[in-house]
Amino acid sequence: MEAGSNFVPAIPQLRIPADAPPYLAGARCADCGQVYLARPVACPKCFSRREMAEVALAERGKLTATPSFTVASQG
C-alpha cells in the first residue's frame, strides 16, 4: 500500500498503518490470555470484565465455528 492512500477499513478490526502491511487487530483477555477478533464486554472463557489489550493477529490461523444461539421450535 502506498503511504498517504485514503483506504477506509471495511471492518473495525482492520488496521491500515502508513508504514506497515495491514493487519487484523484482536483483543486479549487481561486475566486468561484468550484472544478474540471482536472485543467482547466480558471474556466468554473466564468472565473477566477487565479491559482487554489490543493485539495484532497472525496472518494465518484456524477458524473454529461454535454455536452462538439456539432455536427451539415445537412440533
PDB file of N, CA and C in Angstrom:
ATOM      1  N   MET A   1       0.814  -1.179   0.000  1.00  0.00           N
ATOM      2  CA  MET A   1       0.000   0.000   0.000  1.00  0.00           C
ATOM      3  C   MET A   1       0.859   1.243   0.000  1.00  0.00           C
ATOM      4  N   GLU A   2       0.434   2.207  -0.713  1.00  0.00           N
ATOM      5  CA  GLU A   2       1.193   3.447  -0.776  1.00  0.00           C
ATOM      6  C   GLU A   2       0.860   4.336   0.413  1.00  0.00           C
ATOM      7  N   ALA A   3       1.896   4.979   0.940  1.00  0.00           N
ATOM      8  CA  ALA A   3       1.673   5.920   2.037  1.00  0.00           C
ATOM      9  C   ALA A   3       0.798   7.064   1.541  1.00  0.00           C
ATOM     10  N   GLY A   4      -0.101   7.501   2.393  1.00  0.00           N
ATOM     11  CA  GLY A   4      -0.967   8.608   2.035  1.00  0.00           C
ATOM     12  C   GLY A   4      -2.224   8.192   1.309  1.00  0.00           C
ATOM     13  N   SER A   5      -2.403   6.884   1.076  1.00  0.00           N
ATOM     14  CA  SER A   5      -3.621   6.416   0.424  1.00  0.00           C
ATOM     15  C   SER A   5      -4.807   6.645   1.344  1.00  0.00           C
ATOM     16  N   ASN A   6      -5.971   6.812   0.762  1.00  0.00           N
ATOM     17  CA  ASN A   6      -7.178   7.063   1.542  1.00  0.00           C
ATOM     18  C   ASN A   6      -8.021   5.804   1.689  1.00  0.00           C
ATOM     19  N   PHE A   7      -7.414   4.726   2.163  1.00  0.00           N
ATOM     20  CA  PHE A   7      -8.140   3.490   2.377  1.00  0.00           C
ATOM     21  C   PHE A   7      -8.992   3.615   3.629  1.00  0.00           C
ATOM     22  N   VAL A   8     -10.191   3.073   3.582  1.00  0.00           N
ATOM     23  CA  VAL A   8     -11.091   3.052   4.730  1.00  0.00           C
ATOM     24  C   VAL A   8     -11.275   1.589   5.122  1.00  0.00           C
ATOM     25  N   PRO A   9     -11.029   1.232   6.388  1.00  0.00           N
ATOM     26  CA  PRO A   9     -11.184  -0.162   6.812  1.00  0.00           C
ATOM     27  C   PRO A   9     -12.616  -0.658   6.593  1.00  0.00           C
ATOM     28  N   ALA A  10     -12.742  -1.898   6.106  1.00  0.00           N
ATOM     29  CA  ALA A  10     -14.053  -2.496   5.863  1.00  0.00           C
ATOM     30  C   ALA A  10     -14.692  -2.985   7.158  1.00  0.00           C
ATOM     31  N   ILE A  11     -13.878  -3.312   8.151  1.00  0.00           N
ATOM     32  CA  ILE A  11     -14.377  -3.740   9.459  1.00  0.00           C
ATOM     33  C   ILE A  11     -13.589  -3.000  10.537  1.00  0.00           C
ATOM     34  N   PRO A  12     -14.158  -2.828  11.721  1.00  0.00           N
ATOM     35  CA  PRO A  12     -13.467  -2.059  12.766  1.00  0.00           C
ATOM     36  C   PRO A  12     -12.130  -2.661  13.200  1.00  0.00           C
ATOM     37  N   GLN A  13     -11.944  -3.965  13.031  1.00  0.00           N
ATOM     38  CA  GLN A  13     -10.723  -4.618  13.482  1.00  0.00           C
ATOM     39  C   GLN A  13      -9.569  -4.507  12.484  1.00  0.00           C
ATOM     40  N   LEU A  14      -9.810  -3.964  11.296  1.00  0.00           N
ATOM     41  CA  LEU A  14      -8.764  -3.835  10.282  1.00  0.00           C
ATOM     42  C   LEU A  14      -7.941  -2.587  10.545  1.00  0.00           C
ATOM     43  N   ARG A  15      -6.630  -2.759  10.638  1.00  0.00           N
ATOM     44  CA  ARG A  15      -5.714  -1.636  10.831  1.00  0.00           C
ATOM     45  C   ARG A  15      -4.892  -1.475   9.548  1.00  0.00           C
ATOM     46  N   ILE A  16      -4.761  -0.250   9.078  1.00  0.00           N
ATOM     47  CA  ILE A  16      -4.005   0.028   7.855  1.00  0.00           C
ATOM     48  C   ILE A  16      -2.956   1.090   8.182  1.00  0.00           C
ATOM     49  N   PRO A  17      -1.827   0.682   8.759  1.00  0.00           N
ATOM     50  CA  PRO A  17      -0.784   1.664   9.073  1.00  0.00           C
ATOM     51  C   PRO A  17      -0.120   2.176   7.801  1.00  0.00           C
ATOM     52  N   ALA A  18       0.373   3.402   7.852  1.00  0.00           N
ATOM     53  CA  ALA A  18       1.012   4.013   6.684  1.00  0.00           C
ATOM     54  C   ALA A  18       2.357   3.370   6.369  1.00  0.00           C
ATOM     55  N   ASP A  19       3.044   2.825   7.390  1.00  0.00           N
ATOM     56  CA  ASP A  19       4.406   2.322   7.191  1.00  0.00           C
ATOM     57  C   ASP A  19       4.546   0.813   7.383  1.00  0.00           C
ATOM     58  N   ALA A  20       3.432   0.081   7.363  1.00  0.00           N
ATOM     59  CA  ALA A  20       3.480  -1.373   7.564  1.00  0.00           C
ATOM     60  C   ALA A  20       2.296  -2.010   6.833  1.00  0.00           C
ATOM     61  N   PRO A  21       2.354  -3.326   6.638  1.00  0.00           N
ATOM     62  CA  PRO A  21       1.227  -4.004   5.990  1.00  0.00           C
ATOM     63  C   PRO A  21      -0.029  -3.959   6.855  1.00  0.00           C
ATOM     64  N   PRO A  22      -1.203  -4.025   6.240  1.00  0.00           N
ATOM     65  CA  PRO A  22      -2.446  -4.050   7.013  1.00  0.00           C
ATOM     66  C   PRO A  22      -2.527  -5.330   7.849  1.00  0.00           C
ATOM     67  N   TYR A  23      -3.271  -5.264   8.937  1.00  0.00           N
ATOM     68  CA  TYR A  23      -3.440  -6.436   9.797  1.00  0.00           C
ATOM     69  C   TYR A  23      -4.765  -6.355  10.531  1.00  0.00           C
ATOM     70  N   LEU A  24      -5.190  -7.491  11.063  1.00  0.00           N
ATOM     71  CA  LEU A  24      -6.389  -7.542  11.893  1.00  0.00           C
ATOM     72  C   LEU A  24      -5.978  -7.381  13.351  1.00  0.00           C
ATOM     73  N   ALA A  25      -6.720  -6.579  14.083  1.00  0.00           N
ATOM     74  CA  ALA A  25      -6.452  -6.377  15.498  1.00  0.00           C
ATOM     75  C   ALA A  25      -7.450  -7.184  16.309  1.00  0.00           C
ATOM     76  N   GLY A  26      -6.944  -7.903  17.287  1.00  0.00           N
ATOM     77  CA  GLY A  26      -7.789  -8.667  18.191  1.00  0.00           C
ATOM     78  C   GLY A  26      -7.715  -8.080  19.584  1.00  0.00           C
ATOM     79  N   ALA A  27      -8.396  -8.722  20.511  1.00  0.00           N
ATOM     80  CA  ALA A  27      -8.407  -8.293  21.906  1.00  0.00           C
ATOM     81  C   ALA A  27      -7.988  -9.474  22.781  1.00  0.00           C
ATOM     82  N   ARG A  28      -7.001  -9.245  23.668  1.00  0.00           N
ATOM     83  CA  ARG A  28      -6.506 -10.296  24.563  1.00  0.00           C
ATOM     84  C   ARG A  28      -7.020 -10.048  25.973  1.00  0.00           C
ATOM     85  N   CYS A  29      -7.616 -11.090  26.576  1.00  0.00           N
ATOM     86  CA  CYS A  29      -8.124 -11.002  27.939  1.00  0.00           C
ATOM     87  C   CYS A  29      -6.960 -10.783  28.905  1.00  0.00           C
ATOM     88  N   ALA A  30      -7.111  -9.820  29.796  1.00  0.00           N
ATOM     89  CA  ALA A  30      -6.060  -9.499  30.771  1.00  0.00           C
ATOM     90  C   ALA A  30      -5.900 -10.591  31.819  1.00  0.00           C
ATOM     91  N   ASP A  31      -6.921 -11.420  32.015  1.00  0.00           N
ATOM     92  CA  ASP A  31      -6.844 -12.454  33.048  1.00  0.00           C
ATOM     93  C   ASP A  31      -6.423 -13.827  32.515  1.00  0.00           C
ATOM     94  N   CYS A  32      -7.076 -14.311  31.459  1.00  0.00           N
ATOM     95  CA  CYS A  32      -6.773 -15.674  30.994  1.00  0.00           C
ATOM     96  C   CYS A  32      -5.932 -15.703  29.712  1.00  0.00           C
ATOM     97  N   GLY A  33      -5.803 -14.570  29.012  1.00  0.00           N
ATOM     98  CA  GLY A  33      -4.972 -14.512  27.814  1.00  0.00           C
ATOM     99  C   GLY A  33      -5.661 -14.940  26.534  1.00  0.00           C
ATOM    100  N   GLN A  34      -6.917 -15.330  26.601  1.00  0.00           N
ATOM    101  CA  GLN A  34      -7.655 -15.734  25.395  1.00  0.00           C
ATOM    102  C   GLN A  34      -7.760 -14.537  24.461  1.00  0.00           C
ATOM    103  N   VAL A  35      -7.653 -14.793  23.144  1.00  0.00           N
ATOM    104  CA  VAL A  35      -7.694 -13.723  22.148  1.00  0.00           C
ATOM    105  C   VAL A  35      -8.970 -13.853  21.327  1.00  0.00           C
ATOM    106  N   TYR A  36      -9.589 -12.710  21.062  1.00  0.00           N
ATOM    107  CA  TYR A  36     -10.830 -12.653  20.283  1.00  0.00           C
ATOM    108  C   TYR A  36     -10.672 -11.643  19.162  1.00  0.00           C
ATOM    109  N   LEU A  37     -11.395 -11.871  18.046  1.00  0.00           N
ATOM    110  CA  LEU A  37     -11.371 -10.908  16.949  1.00  0.00           C
ATOM    111  C   LEU A  37     -12.138  -9.654  17.348  1.00  0.00           C
ATOM    112  N   ALA A  38     -13.340  -9.820  17.828  1.00  0.00           N
ATOM    113  CA  ALA A  38     -14.139  -8.682  18.284  1.00  0.00           C
ATOM    114  C   ALA A  38     -13.982  -8.557  19.797  1.00  0.00           C
ATOM    115  N   ARG A  39     -13.928  -7.337  20.286  1.00  0.00           N
ATOM    116  CA  ARG A  39     -13.738  -7.098  21.721  1.00  0.00           C
ATOM    117  C   ARG A  39     -15.062  -7.315  22.452  1.00  0.00           C
ATOM    118  N   PRO A  40     -15.168  -8.398  23.235  1.00  0.00           N
ATOM    119  CA  PRO A  40     -16.403  -8.636  23.988  1.00  0.00           C
ATOM    120  C   PRO A  40     -16.471  -7.754  25.235  1.00  0.00           C
ATOM    121  N   VAL A  41     -17.652  -7.582  25.783  1.00  0.00           N
ATOM    122  CA  VAL A  41     -17.830  -6.817  27.012  1.00  0.00           C
ATOM    123  C   VAL A  41     -17.175  -7.557  28.178  1.00  0.00           C
ATOM    124  N   ALA A  42     -17.337  -8.880  28.182  1.00  0.00           N
ATOM    125  CA  ALA A  42     -16.698  -9.738  29.184  1.00  0.00           C
ATOM    126  C   ALA A  42     -16.084 -10.927  28.458  1.00  0.00           C
ATOM    127  N   CYS A  43     -15.029 -11.491  29.003  1.00  0.00           N
ATOM    128  CA  CYS A  43     -14.380 -12.643  28.378  1.00  0.00           C
ATOM    129  C   CYS A  43     -15.303 -13.860  28.445  1.00  0.00           C
ATOM    130  N   PRO A  44     -15.658 -14.451  27.306  1.00  0.00           N
ATOM    131  CA  PRO A  44     -16.514 -15.626  27.320  1.00  0.00           C
ATOM    132  C   PRO A  44     -15.861 -16.845  27.988  1.00  0.00           C
ATOM    133  N   LYS A  45     -14.540 -16.854  28.069  1.00  0.00           N
ATOM    134  CA  LYS A  45     -13.851 -18.004  28.659  1.00  0.00           C
ATOM    135  C   LYS A  45     -13.795 -17.933  30.187  1.00  0.00           C
ATOM    136  N   CYS A  46     -13.390 -16.770  30.731  1.00  0.00           N
ATOM    137  CA  CYS A  46     -13.208 -16.669  32.189  1.00  0.00           C
ATOM    138  C   CYS A  46     -14.140 -15.649  32.837  1.00  0.00           C
ATOM    139  N   PHE A  47     -14.957 -14.968  32.033  1.00  0.00           N
ATOM    140  CA  PHE A  47     -15.946 -13.992  32.502  1.00  0.00           C
ATOM    141  C   PHE A  47     -15.342 -12.717  33.086  1.00  0.00           C
ATOM    142  N   SER A  48     -14.058 -12.486  32.864  1.00  0.00           N
ATOM    143  CA  SER A  48     -13.414 -11.260  33.341  1.00  0.00           C
ATOM    144  C   SER A  48     -13.997 -10.058  32.613  1.00  0.00           C
ATOM    145  N   ARG A  49     -14.148  -8.958  33.319  1.00  0.00           N
ATOM    146  CA  ARG A  49     -14.631  -7.715  32.716  1.00  0.00           C
ATOM    147  C   ARG A  49     -13.531  -6.666  32.665  1.00  0.00           C
ATOM    148  N   ARG A  50     -12.277  -7.083  32.907  1.00  0.00           N
ATOM    149  CA  ARG A  50     -11.154  -6.145  32.830  1.00  0.00           C
ATOM    150  C   ARG A  50     -10.931  -5.721  31.382  1.00  0.00           C
ATOM    151  N   GLU A  51     -10.340  -4.547  31.217  1.00  0.00           N
ATOM    152  CA  GLU A  51     -10.055  -4.019  29.882  1.00  0.00           C
ATOM    153  C   GLU A  51      -9.156  -4.992  29.114  1.00  0.00           C
ATOM    154  N   MET A  52      -9.498  -5.251  27.864  1.00  0.00           N
ATOM    155  CA  MET A  52      -8.690  -6.144  27.030  1.00  0.00           C
ATOM    156  C   MET A  52      -7.700  -5.324  26.220  1.00  0.00           C
ATOM    157  N   ALA A  53      -6.505  -5.845  26.075  1.00  0.00           N
ATOM    158  CA  ALA A  53      -5.457  -5.178  25.303  1.00  0.00           C
ATOM    159  C   ALA A  53      -5.598  -5.519  23.823  1.00  0.00           C
ATOM    160  N   GLU A  54      -5.346  -4.537  22.968  1.00  0.00           N
ATOM    161  CA  GLU A  54      -5.366  -4.794  21.532  1.00  0.00           C
ATOM    162  C   GLU A  54      -4.079  -5.506  21.133  1.00  0.00           C
ATOM    163  N   VAL A  55      -4.209  -6.545  20.300  1.00  0.00           N
ATOM    164  CA  VAL A  55      -3.052  -7.286  19.802  1.00  0.00           C
ATOM    165  C   VAL A  55      -3.198  -7.491  18.295  1.00  0.00           C
ATOM    166  N   ALA A  56      -2.072  -7.512  17.588  1.00  0.00           N
ATOM    167  CA  ALA A  56      -2.078  -7.812  16.158  1.00  0.00           C
ATOM    168  C   ALA A  56      -2.234  -9.318  15.991  1.00  0.00           C
ATOM    169  N   LEU A  57      -3.191  -9.733  15.184  1.00  0.00           N
ATOM    170  CA  LEU A  57      -3.408 -11.151  14.949  1.00  0.00           C
ATOM    171  C   LEU A  57      -2.445 -11.670  13.887  1.00  0.00           C
ATOM    172  N   ALA A  58      -2.161 -12.959  13.941  1.00  0.00           N
ATOM    173  CA  ALA A  58      -1.271 -13.588  12.968  1.00  0.00           C
ATOM    174  C   ALA A  58      -1.907 -13.555  11.579  1.00  0.00           C
ATOM    175  N   GLU A  59      -1.082 -13.629  10.550  1.00  0.00           N
ATOM    176  CA  GLU A  59      -1.597 -13.631   9.182  1.00  0.00           C
ATOM    177  C   GLU A  59      -2.315 -14.927   8.838  1.00  0.00           C
ATOM    178  N   ARG A  60      -1.967 -15.998   9.521  1.00  0.00           N
ATOM    179  CA  ARG A  60      -2.610 -17.299   9.277  1.00  0.00           C
ATOM    180  C   ARG A  60      -3.124 -17.844  10.602  1.00  0.00           C
ATOM    181  N   GLY A  61      -4.224 -18.581  10.524  1.00  0.00           N
ATOM    182  CA  GLY A  61      -4.784 -19.149  11.742  1.00  0.00           C
ATOM    183  C   GLY A  61      -5.849 -20.180  11.410  1.00  0.00           C
ATOM    184  N   LYS A  62      -6.612 -20.531  12.398  1.00  0.00           N
ATOM    185  CA  LYS A  62      -7.654 -21.539  12.258  1.00  0.00           C
ATOM    186  C   LYS A  62      -8.957 -20.958  12.787  1.00  0.00           C
ATOM    187  N   LEU A  63     -10.015 -21.084  12.003  1.00  0.00           N
ATOM    188  CA  LEU A  63     -11.333 -20.658  12.443  1.00  0.00           C
ATOM    189  C   LEU A  63     -12.055 -21.861  13.029  1.00  0.00           C
ATOM    190  N   THR A  64     -12.647 -21.660  14.171  1.00  0.00           N
ATOM    191  CA  THR A  64     -13.423 -22.713  14.799  1.00  0.00           C
ATOM    192  C   THR A  64     -14.848 -22.210  14.965  1.00  0.00           C
ATOM    193  N   ALA A  65     -15.795 -22.899  14.376  1.00  0.00           N
ATOM    194  CA  ALA A  65     -17.194 -22.490  14.477  1.00  0.00           C
ATOM    195  C   ALA A  65     -17.800 -23.056  15.752  1.00  0.00           C
ATOM    196  N   THR A  66     -18.467 -22.201  16.481  1.00  0.00           N
ATOM    197  CA  THR A  66     -19.203 -22.637  17.664  1.00  0.00           C
ATOM    198  C   THR A  66     -20.591 -22.040  17.587  1.00  0.00           C
ATOM    199  N   PRO A  67     -21.587 -22.751  18.087  1.00  0.00           N
ATOM    200  CA  PRO A  67     -22.947 -22.194  18.024  1.00  0.00           C
ATOM    201  C   PRO A  67     -23.062 -20.966  18.918  1.00  0.00           C
ATOM    202  N   SER A  68     -23.692 -19.928  18.410  1.00  0.00           N
ATOM    203  CA  SER A  68     -23.842 -18.716  19.187  1.00  0.00           C
ATOM    204  C   SER A  68     -25.280 -18.508  19.666  1.00  0.00           C
ATOM    205  N   PHE A  69     -26.185 -19.349  19.201  1.00  0.00           N
ATOM    206  CA  PHE A  69     -27.564 -19.256  19.663  1.00  0.00           C
ATOM    207  C   PHE A  69     -28.259 -20.586  19.400  1.00  0.00           C
ATOM    208  N   THR A  70     -29.408 -20.778  20.018  1.00  0.00           N
ATOM    209  CA  THR A  70     -30.196 -21.987  19.848  1.00  0.00           C
ATOM    210  C   THR A  70     -31.604 -21.597  19.441  1.00  0.00           C
ATOM    211  N   VAL A  71     -32.150 -22.302  18.478  1.00  0.00           N
ATOM    212  CA  VAL A  71     -33.527 -22.072  18.060  1.00  0.00           C
ATOM    213  C   VAL A  71     -34.342 -23.262  18.524  1.00  0.00           C
ATOM    214  N   ALA A  72     -35.344 -23.001  19.343  1.00  0.00           N
ATOM    215  CA  ALA A  72     -36.243 -24.066  19.812  1.00  0.00           C
ATOM    216  C   ALA A  72     -37.590 -23.901  19.123  1.00  0.00           C
ATOM    217  N   SER A  73     -38.087 -24.990  18.586  1.00  0.00           N
ATOM    218  CA  SER A  73     -39.396 -24.930  17.939  1.00  0.00           C
ATOM    219  C   SER A  73     -40.221 -26.128  18.355  1.00  0.00           C
ATOM    220  N   GLN A  74     -41.517 -25.987  18.244  1.00  0.00           N
ATOM    221  CA  GLN A  74     -42.420 -27.082  18.587  1.00  0.00           C
ATOM    222  C   GLN A  74     -42.886 -27.778  17.332  1.00  0.00           C
ATOM    223  N   GLY A  75     -43.102 -29.071  17.480  1.00  0.00           N
ATOM    224  CA  GLY A  75     -43.727 -29.925  16.536  1.00  0.00           C
ATOM    225  C   GLY A  75     -43.356 -29.939  15.165  1.00  0.00           C
TER     226      GLY A  75
END
